[in-house]
Amino acid sequence: MEQLNKQDAPPTTSEIGVDLGLEYFYYDSNGNHKENPRYLRSSEKDIKRVQRNIYKKKNGSIGLKKARGIHARKHLRIAR
């Protein structure tokens, strides 16, 4: 079977090392790095607001179920 999108790259002798870590998302041997996105830190304010909303609802109500679902989706987004 023939590949339609095949491109030949020119031969090169340069090599690069990449380190994935906690402080930086990646850091390579050329000194380039990218900051870690830290999704939890940026979403903490949303989670706080949604948790407060849960505590305002009456036990056993439909509104409490909905609020818990919203809270679960916020945590799921961070986890993914």
C-alpha atoms as a PDB file:
ATOM      1  CA  MET A   1       0.000   0.000   0.000  1.00  0.00           C
ATOM      2  CA  GLU A   2       1.402   3.387  -0.988  1.00  0.00           C
ATOM      3  CA  GLN A   3       1.549   6.295   1.457  1.00  0.00           C
ATOM      4  CA  LEU A   4       0.282   9.516  -0.062  1.00  0.00           C
ATOM      5  CA  ASN A   5       1.607  12.023   2.486  1.00  0.00           C
ATOM      6  CA  LYS A   6       5.149  10.713   2.784  1.00  0.00           C
ATOM      7  CA  GLN A   7       7.854  13.377   3.064  1.00  0.00           C
ATOM      8  CA  ASP A   8      11.556  12.656   3.222  1.00  0.00           C
ATOM      9  CA  ALA A   9      13.349  14.695   5.857  1.00  0.00           C
ATOM     10  CA  PRO A  10      16.879  15.830   5.124  1.00  0.00           C
ATOM     11  CA  PRO A  11      19.520  13.918   7.106  1.00  0.00           C
ATOM     12  CA  THR A  12      20.816  15.770  10.147  1.00  0.00           C
ATOM     13  CA  THR A  13      23.492  15.163  12.741  1.00  0.00           C
ATOM     14  CA  SER A  14      21.987  17.290  15.510  1.00  0.00           C
ATOM     15  CA  GLU A  15      20.418  15.586  18.508  1.00  0.00           C
ATOM     16  CA  ILE A  16      18.243  16.993  21.248  1.00  0.00           C
ATOM     17  CA  GLY A  17      17.286  15.741  24.704  1.00  0.00           C
ATOM     18  CA  VAL A  18      13.878  16.456  26.252  1.00  0.00           C
ATOM     19  CA  ASP A  19      13.035  16.317  29.956  1.00  0.00           C
ATOM     20  CA  LEU A  20       9.410  16.261  31.099  1.00  0.00           C
ATOM     21  CA  GLY A  21       8.927  17.312  34.687  1.00  0.00           C
ATOM     22  CA  LEU A  22       6.953  19.124  37.368  1.00  0.00           C
ATOM     23  CA  GLU A  23       8.647  22.521  37.413  1.00  0.00           C
ATOM     24  CA  TYR A  24       8.569  22.881  33.621  1.00  0.00           C
ATOM     25  CA  PHE A  25       6.268  21.049  31.227  1.00  0.00           C
ATOM     26  CA  TYR A  26       9.301  20.304  29.096  1.00  0.00           C
ATOM     27  CA  TYR A  27      12.932  21.375  29.073  1.00  0.00           C
ATOM     28  CA  ASP A  28      15.249  20.517  26.203  1.00  0.00           C
ATOM     29  CA  SER A  29      19.014  20.406  25.870  1.00  0.00           C
ATOM     30  CA  ASN A  30      19.035  23.681  23.892  1.00  0.00           C
ATOM     31  CA  GLY A  31      17.702  25.556  26.925  1.00  0.00           C
ATOM     32  CA  ASN A  32      14.118  25.969  25.697  1.00  0.00           C
ATOM     33  CA  HIS A  33      11.354  25.331  28.200  1.00  0.00           C
ATOM     34  CA  LYS A  34       7.611  25.754  28.615  1.00  0.00           C
ATOM     35  CA  GLU A  35       5.843  26.410  31.908  1.00  0.00           C
ATOM     36  CA  ASN A  36       3.591  23.763  33.418  1.00  0.00           C
ATOM     37  CA  PRO A  37      -0.069  24.743  32.763  1.00  0.00           C
ATOM     38  CA  ARG A  38      -1.242  23.912  36.352  1.00  0.00           C
ATOM     39  CA  TYR A  39      -4.918  23.429  35.585  1.00  0.00           C
ATOM     40  CA  LEU A  40      -5.856  22.885  39.235  1.00  0.00           C
ATOM     41  CA  ARG A  41      -4.483  26.265  40.337  1.00  0.00           C
ATOM     42  CA  SER A  42      -6.366  28.101  37.606  1.00  0.00           C
ATOM     43  CA  SER A  43      -9.640  26.276  38.335  1.00  0.00           C
ATOM     44  CA  GLU A  44      -9.632  26.553  42.150  1.00  0.00           C
ATOM     45  CA  LYS A  45     -11.802  29.680  42.103  1.00  0.00           C
ATOM     46  CA  ASP A  46     -14.478  27.916  40.016  1.00  0.00           C
ATOM     47  CA  ILE A  47     -14.427  24.895  42.324  1.00  0.00           C
ATOM     48  CA  LYS A  48     -14.772  27.116  45.404  1.00  0.00           C
ATOM     49  CA  ARG A  49     -17.805  28.860  43.920  1.00  0.00           C
ATOM     50  CA  VAL A  50     -19.481  25.592  42.921  1.00  0.00           C
ATOM     51  CA  GLN A  51     -18.847  24.046  46.347  1.00  0.00           C
ATOM     52  CA  ARG A  52     -20.477  27.052  48.033  1.00  0.00           C
ATOM     53  CA  ASN A  53     -23.440  26.565  45.718  1.00  0.00           C
ATOM     54  CA  ILE A  54     -23.778  22.930  46.860  1.00  0.00           C
ATOM     55  CA  TYR A  55     -23.973  23.919  50.539  1.00  0.00           C
ATOM     56  CA  LYS A  56     -26.788  26.375  49.833  1.00  0.00           C
ATOM     57  CA  LYS A  57     -29.053  23.649  48.425  1.00  0.00           C
ATOM     58  CA  LYS A  58     -31.598  21.699  50.460  1.00  0.00           C
ATOM     59  CA  ASN A  59     -30.796  18.031  51.140  1.00  0.00           C
ATOM     60  CA  GLY A  60     -32.494  15.619  48.759  1.00  0.00           C
ATOM     61  CA  SER A  61     -33.473  18.287  46.221  1.00  0.00           C
ATOM     62  CA  ILE A  62     -33.054  18.210  42.452  1.00  0.00           C
ATOM     63  CA  GLY A  63     -31.006  21.407  42.682  1.00  0.00           C
ATOM     64  CA  LEU A  64     -28.502  19.639  44.950  1.00  0.00           C
ATOM     65  CA  LYS A  65     -28.164  16.815  42.414  1.00  0.00           C
ATOM     66  CA  LYS A  66     -27.524  19.315  39.621  1.00  0.00           C
ATOM     67  CA  ALA A  67     -24.997  21.251  41.693  1.00  0.00           C
ATOM     68  CA  ARG A  68     -23.129  18.046  42.559  1.00  0.00           C
ATOM     69  CA  GLY A  69     -23.021  17.137  38.852  1.00  0.00           C
ATOM     70  CA  ILE A  70     -21.528  20.523  37.984  1.00  0.00           C
ATOM     71  CA  HIS A  71     -18.962  20.093  40.760  1.00  0.00           C
ATOM     72  CA  ALA A  72     -18.044  16.636  39.491  1.00  0.00           C
ATOM     73  CA  ARG A  73     -17.570  17.940  35.937  1.00  0.00           C
ATOM     74  CA  LYS A  74     -15.221  20.684  37.175  1.00  0.00           C
ATOM     75  CA  HIS A  75     -13.043  18.068  38.902  1.00  0.00           C
ATOM     76  CA  LEU A  76     -13.219  15.761  35.875  1.00  0.00           C
ATOM     77  CA  ARG A  77     -11.982  18.537  33.595  1.00  0.00           C
ATOM     78  CA  ILE A  78      -8.968  19.060  35.851  1.00  0.00           C
ATOM     79  CA  ALA A  79      -8.239  15.351  36.096  1.00  0.00           C
ATOM     80  CA  ARG A  80      -8.256  14.926  32.328  1.00  0.00           C
END
